[in-house]
Every structure is written in C-alpha cells, then in structure tokens.
Amino acid sequence: MSGLEYRQITDAELASALAGLPGWVVSDGALTKLFEFSSYKDGIVFGAAVGWEADKLNHHPDIHVGYGKVRVSTSTHDTGGLTPYDLELARRVEKLA
C-alpha cells in the first residue's frame, strides 16, 4: 500500500486512474460502479467479498445489493472527496469481479 495517503487526488490523477478502471464513474462525488450478476446469491457473495477486501484496506465503501446488481461507491468522507485510497479500493474490487 505504498503511496496511499488521505489527500485529495488531482483531476489528472483521476483521469489516469479511470482509464484503467472500466465502468467506474464519478457520481455525486463518489467513485461508483454497477456490477451485474446472474443471480441474487452471486451479488451477495460479491458484496461480501468487497466488504472483506475493504476492511483489509480499512476503507469502507457503500455497497448496495439488489437482484443481480451490486453498486459500489467509494469516497473519503474525512477529506470530502476522492483520495488514493478510493482508487486503490476500486482496483481491488475490479480484481474480485
């Protein structure tokens, strides 16, 4: 986790990171992606895996589970924006998907 710090990222850092995070967008100040699954159970399992990975990073996203869909949204409430932790969490979530 070298290089992770709680500082707001620049627009250039965000643009660069989004190029490697397909489907992730900034919505209402949070880095967000909707994942789709063939069943509710698969979505629940994915949501639990995201929670587990987030806890290891000690950076906790909002996870909304619906039928066959899971929306993951992350922002750093302490700084009021996006930080390197949000980008790292999105990268880790992508590896789970």
N, C-alpha and C. Protein backbone atom coordinates (compact mmCIF):
# COMPACT_ATOMS: atom_id res chain seq x y z
N MET A 1 0.82 -1.19 0.00
CA MET A 1 0.00 0.00 0.00
C MET A 1 0.86 1.25 0.00
N SER A 2 2.01 1.12 -0.53
CA SER A 2 2.90 2.26 -0.62
C SER A 2 2.27 3.37 -1.44
N GLY A 3 2.42 4.60 -0.99
CA GLY A 3 1.90 5.74 -1.73
C GLY A 3 0.46 6.09 -1.39
N LEU A 4 -0.16 5.33 -0.52
CA LEU A 4 -1.53 5.65 -0.14
C LEU A 4 -1.52 6.69 0.97
N GLU A 5 -2.31 7.70 0.75
CA GLU A 5 -2.44 8.75 1.76
C GLU A 5 -3.80 9.40 1.63
N TYR A 6 -4.22 10.02 2.69
CA TYR A 6 -5.51 10.70 2.69
C TYR A 6 -5.32 12.15 2.26
N ARG A 7 -5.24 12.31 0.94
CA ARG A 7 -5.19 13.64 0.32
C ARG A 7 -6.06 13.58 -0.91
N GLN A 8 -6.64 14.68 -1.26
CA GLN A 8 -7.48 14.68 -2.45
C GLN A 8 -6.62 14.49 -3.69
N ILE A 9 -7.13 13.67 -4.60
CA ILE A 9 -6.41 13.44 -5.85
C ILE A 9 -6.70 14.58 -6.82
N THR A 10 -5.81 14.77 -7.76
CA THR A 10 -5.99 15.81 -8.78
C THR A 10 -6.88 15.28 -9.90
N ASP A 11 -7.38 16.19 -10.72
CA ASP A 11 -8.18 15.79 -11.88
C ASP A 11 -7.37 14.91 -12.81
N ALA A 12 -6.09 15.20 -12.96
CA ALA A 12 -5.22 14.40 -13.83
C ALA A 12 -5.04 12.99 -13.27
N GLU A 13 -4.88 12.87 -11.96
CA GLU A 13 -4.76 11.54 -11.34
C GLU A 13 -6.04 10.74 -11.52
N LEU A 14 -7.17 11.41 -11.37
CA LEU A 14 -8.44 10.75 -11.54
C LEU A 14 -8.61 10.27 -12.98
N ALA A 15 -8.32 11.12 -13.94
CA ALA A 15 -8.46 10.75 -15.35
C ALA A 15 -7.56 9.57 -15.69
N SER A 16 -6.35 9.59 -15.19
CA SER A 16 -5.41 8.50 -15.44
C SER A 16 -5.92 7.20 -14.83
N ALA A 17 -6.42 7.26 -13.61
CA ALA A 17 -6.92 6.07 -12.94
C ALA A 17 -8.16 5.51 -13.63
N LEU A 18 -9.08 6.40 -14.04
CA LEU A 18 -10.30 5.94 -14.70
C LEU A 18 -10.02 5.22 -16.00
N ALA A 19 -8.92 5.55 -16.66
CA ALA A 19 -8.55 4.87 -17.90
C ALA A 19 -8.30 3.38 -17.65
N GLY A 20 -7.90 3.03 -16.45
CA GLY A 20 -7.64 1.64 -16.11
C GLY A 20 -8.74 0.99 -15.28
N LEU A 21 -9.85 1.71 -15.11
CA LEU A 21 -10.97 1.19 -14.31
C LEU A 21 -12.25 1.25 -15.15
N PRO A 22 -12.42 0.32 -16.07
CA PRO A 22 -13.58 0.36 -16.97
C PRO A 22 -14.91 0.32 -16.20
N GLY A 23 -15.80 1.21 -16.58
CA GLY A 23 -17.13 1.24 -15.98
C GLY A 23 -17.25 2.08 -14.73
N TRP A 24 -16.15 2.50 -14.16
CA TRP A 24 -16.19 3.33 -12.97
C TRP A 24 -16.42 4.78 -13.39
N VAL A 25 -17.28 5.48 -12.67
CA VAL A 25 -17.59 6.88 -12.94
C VAL A 25 -17.63 7.64 -11.62
N VAL A 26 -17.53 8.94 -11.71
CA VAL A 26 -17.71 9.77 -10.52
C VAL A 26 -19.15 10.27 -10.54
N SER A 27 -19.86 9.95 -9.47
CA SER A 27 -21.26 10.33 -9.34
C SER A 27 -21.49 10.88 -7.94
N ASP A 28 -21.97 12.10 -7.86
CA ASP A 28 -22.20 12.75 -6.56
C ASP A 28 -20.95 12.72 -5.69
N GLY A 29 -19.79 12.90 -6.30
CA GLY A 29 -18.54 12.99 -5.56
C GLY A 29 -17.93 11.66 -5.16
N ALA A 30 -18.55 10.55 -5.58
CA ALA A 30 -18.04 9.23 -5.23
C ALA A 30 -17.65 8.47 -6.49
N LEU A 31 -16.65 7.62 -6.36
CA LEU A 31 -16.24 6.72 -7.42
C LEU A 31 -17.18 5.52 -7.36
N THR A 32 -17.90 5.27 -8.46
CA THR A 32 -19.02 4.33 -8.42
C THR A 32 -19.01 3.40 -9.62
N LYS A 33 -19.45 2.16 -9.38
CA LYS A 33 -19.64 1.22 -10.48
C LYS A 33 -20.79 0.28 -10.13
N LEU A 34 -21.58 -0.05 -11.16
CA LEU A 34 -22.66 -1.02 -11.02
C LEU A 34 -22.19 -2.34 -11.64
N PHE A 35 -22.21 -3.38 -10.84
CA PHE A 35 -21.83 -4.72 -11.29
C PHE A 35 -23.11 -5.54 -11.44
N GLU A 36 -23.18 -6.36 -12.49
CA GLU A 36 -24.37 -7.17 -12.72
C GLU A 36 -24.02 -8.66 -12.63
N PHE A 37 -24.96 -9.43 -12.05
CA PHE A 37 -24.77 -10.85 -11.82
C PHE A 37 -26.01 -11.60 -12.27
N SER A 38 -25.87 -12.89 -12.48
CA SER A 38 -26.99 -13.69 -12.97
C SER A 38 -27.96 -14.09 -11.87
N SER A 39 -27.56 -13.89 -10.62
CA SER A 39 -28.46 -14.24 -9.52
C SER A 39 -28.24 -13.32 -8.33
N TYR A 40 -29.22 -13.32 -7.45
CA TYR A 40 -29.12 -12.56 -6.22
C TYR A 40 -27.96 -13.08 -5.37
N LYS A 41 -27.86 -14.42 -5.28
CA LYS A 41 -26.81 -15.04 -4.47
C LYS A 41 -25.42 -14.60 -4.93
N ASP A 42 -25.20 -14.57 -6.24
CA ASP A 42 -23.89 -14.15 -6.75
C ASP A 42 -23.59 -12.70 -6.35
N GLY A 43 -24.60 -11.85 -6.37
CA GLY A 43 -24.42 -10.47 -5.94
C GLY A 43 -24.08 -10.36 -4.46
N ILE A 44 -24.76 -11.16 -3.65
CA ILE A 44 -24.49 -11.17 -2.21
C ILE A 44 -23.07 -11.63 -1.93
N VAL A 45 -22.64 -12.69 -2.60
CA VAL A 45 -21.29 -13.20 -2.41
C VAL A 45 -20.27 -12.13 -2.81
N PHE A 46 -20.51 -11.48 -3.94
CA PHE A 46 -19.61 -10.41 -4.39
C PHE A 46 -19.59 -9.27 -3.37
N GLY A 47 -20.76 -8.85 -2.91
CA GLY A 47 -20.83 -7.76 -1.92
C GLY A 47 -20.06 -8.10 -0.66
N ALA A 48 -20.17 -9.34 -0.20
CA ALA A 48 -19.41 -9.76 0.99
C ALA A 48 -17.92 -9.74 0.72
N ALA A 49 -17.51 -10.16 -0.48
CA ALA A 49 -16.08 -10.14 -0.83
C ALA A 49 -15.56 -8.70 -0.88
N VAL A 50 -16.37 -7.79 -1.41
CA VAL A 50 -15.98 -6.38 -1.43
C VAL A 50 -15.82 -5.87 0.00
N GLY A 51 -16.76 -6.21 0.86
CA GLY A 51 -16.67 -5.80 2.26
C GLY A 51 -15.42 -6.33 2.95
N TRP A 52 -15.09 -7.56 2.67
CA TRP A 52 -13.90 -8.19 3.25
C TRP A 52 -12.64 -7.45 2.78
N GLU A 53 -12.55 -7.20 1.48
CA GLU A 53 -11.38 -6.52 0.92
C GLU A 53 -11.29 -5.09 1.44
N ALA A 54 -12.42 -4.41 1.54
CA ALA A 54 -12.45 -3.04 2.05
C ALA A 54 -11.97 -2.99 3.49
N ASP A 55 -12.37 -3.96 4.28
CA ASP A 55 -11.96 -3.98 5.68
C ASP A 55 -10.45 -4.18 5.81
N LYS A 56 -9.87 -5.01 4.93
CA LYS A 56 -8.41 -5.19 4.95
C LYS A 56 -7.70 -3.86 4.64
N LEU A 57 -8.29 -3.07 3.77
CA LEU A 57 -7.71 -1.77 3.40
C LEU A 57 -8.07 -0.70 4.43
N ASN A 58 -9.05 -0.99 5.29
CA ASN A 58 -9.58 -0.03 6.26
C ASN A 58 -10.14 1.20 5.54
N HIS A 59 -10.87 0.93 4.46
CA HIS A 59 -11.51 2.00 3.67
C HIS A 59 -12.83 1.44 3.16
N HIS A 60 -13.92 1.93 3.68
CA HIS A 60 -15.20 1.25 3.55
C HIS A 60 -16.17 1.97 2.61
N PRO A 61 -16.56 1.29 1.52
CA PRO A 61 -17.47 1.87 0.55
C PRO A 61 -18.93 1.65 0.95
N ASP A 62 -19.81 2.31 0.22
CA ASP A 62 -21.23 1.99 0.29
C ASP A 62 -21.44 0.85 -0.70
N ILE A 63 -22.13 -0.19 -0.25
CA ILE A 63 -22.41 -1.35 -1.09
C ILE A 63 -23.93 -1.53 -1.09
N HIS A 64 -24.53 -1.44 -2.26
CA HIS A 64 -25.98 -1.60 -2.40
C HIS A 64 -26.23 -2.85 -3.23
N VAL A 65 -26.91 -3.82 -2.61
CA VAL A 65 -27.18 -5.09 -3.28
C VAL A 65 -28.65 -5.15 -3.65
N GLY A 66 -28.91 -5.45 -4.92
CA GLY A 66 -30.26 -5.69 -5.41
C GLY A 66 -30.26 -7.01 -6.14
N TYR A 67 -31.36 -7.32 -6.79
CA TYR A 67 -31.42 -8.59 -7.50
C TYR A 67 -30.50 -8.55 -8.72
N GLY A 68 -29.41 -9.29 -8.65
CA GLY A 68 -28.48 -9.38 -9.76
C GLY A 68 -27.64 -8.14 -9.99
N LYS A 69 -27.70 -7.19 -9.07
CA LYS A 69 -26.92 -5.96 -9.23
C LYS A 69 -26.31 -5.54 -7.90
N VAL A 70 -25.08 -5.06 -7.99
CA VAL A 70 -24.38 -4.52 -6.81
C VAL A 70 -23.73 -3.22 -7.22
N ARG A 71 -24.07 -2.15 -6.51
CA ARG A 71 -23.45 -0.85 -6.75
C ARG A 71 -22.45 -0.59 -5.64
N VAL A 72 -21.21 -0.30 -6.03
CA VAL A 72 -20.15 0.01 -5.08
C VAL A 72 -19.79 1.49 -5.29
N SER A 73 -19.83 2.25 -4.20
CA SER A 73 -19.48 3.68 -4.25
C SER A 73 -18.50 3.99 -3.13
N THR A 74 -17.42 4.65 -3.50
CA THR A 74 -16.41 4.97 -2.50
C THR A 74 -15.99 6.43 -2.61
N SER A 75 -15.84 7.05 -1.47
CA SER A 75 -15.28 8.39 -1.35
C SER A 75 -14.68 8.47 0.05
N THR A 76 -13.87 9.48 0.26
CA THR A 76 -13.24 9.64 1.57
C THR A 76 -13.94 10.78 2.29
N HIS A 77 -14.79 10.42 3.22
CA HIS A 77 -15.62 11.40 3.91
C HIS A 77 -14.78 12.39 4.71
N ASP A 78 -13.67 11.92 5.26
CA ASP A 78 -12.82 12.79 6.08
C ASP A 78 -12.25 13.96 5.29
N THR A 79 -11.94 13.72 4.01
CA THR A 79 -11.34 14.79 3.20
C THR A 79 -12.36 15.46 2.29
N GLY A 80 -13.56 14.88 2.22
CA GLY A 80 -14.59 15.47 1.39
C GLY A 80 -14.34 15.30 -0.10
N GLY A 81 -13.77 14.18 -0.49
CA GLY A 81 -13.52 13.95 -1.91
C GLY A 81 -12.89 12.60 -2.13
N LEU A 82 -12.23 12.47 -3.26
CA LEU A 82 -11.57 11.22 -3.62
C LEU A 82 -10.09 11.29 -3.28
N THR A 83 -9.58 10.18 -2.76
CA THR A 83 -8.18 10.07 -2.38
C THR A 83 -7.57 8.83 -3.04
N PRO A 84 -6.26 8.65 -2.92
CA PRO A 84 -5.66 7.43 -3.43
C PRO A 84 -6.28 6.15 -2.85
N TYR A 85 -6.83 6.21 -1.65
CA TYR A 85 -7.48 5.04 -1.07
C TYR A 85 -8.71 4.63 -1.89
N ASP A 86 -9.45 5.59 -2.41
CA ASP A 86 -10.61 5.27 -3.23
C ASP A 86 -10.19 4.58 -4.52
N LEU A 87 -9.13 5.06 -5.12
CA LEU A 87 -8.62 4.44 -6.35
C LEU A 87 -8.12 3.03 -6.08
N GLU A 88 -7.42 2.84 -4.98
CA GLU A 88 -6.91 1.52 -4.63
C GLU A 88 -8.06 0.55 -4.36
N LEU A 89 -9.07 1.01 -3.66
CA LEU A 89 -10.21 0.15 -3.39
C LEU A 89 -10.90 -0.25 -4.70
N ALA A 90 -11.08 0.69 -5.61
CA ALA A 90 -11.70 0.37 -6.90
C ALA A 90 -10.87 -0.67 -7.65
N ARG A 91 -9.56 -0.54 -7.62
CA ARG A 91 -8.68 -1.54 -8.27
C ARG A 91 -8.88 -2.93 -7.65
N ARG A 92 -8.97 -2.98 -6.34
CA ARG A 92 -9.14 -4.26 -5.66
C ARG A 92 -10.52 -4.86 -5.97
N VAL A 93 -11.53 -4.03 -6.02
CA VAL A 93 -12.87 -4.51 -6.36
C VAL A 93 -12.89 -5.07 -7.77
N GLU A 94 -12.20 -4.41 -8.68
CA GLU A 94 -12.12 -4.92 -10.06
C GLU A 94 -11.51 -6.31 -10.10
N LYS A 95 -10.52 -6.57 -9.29
CA LYS A 95 -9.89 -7.89 -9.27
C LYS A 95 -10.86 -8.95 -8.75
N LEU A 96 -11.82 -8.56 -7.91
CA LEU A 96 -12.81 -9.50 -7.40
C LEU A 96 -13.87 -9.84 -8.44
N ALA A 97 -14.13 -8.90 -9.31
CA ALA A 97 -15.24 -9.06 -10.28
C ALA A 97 -14.89 -10.00 -11.35
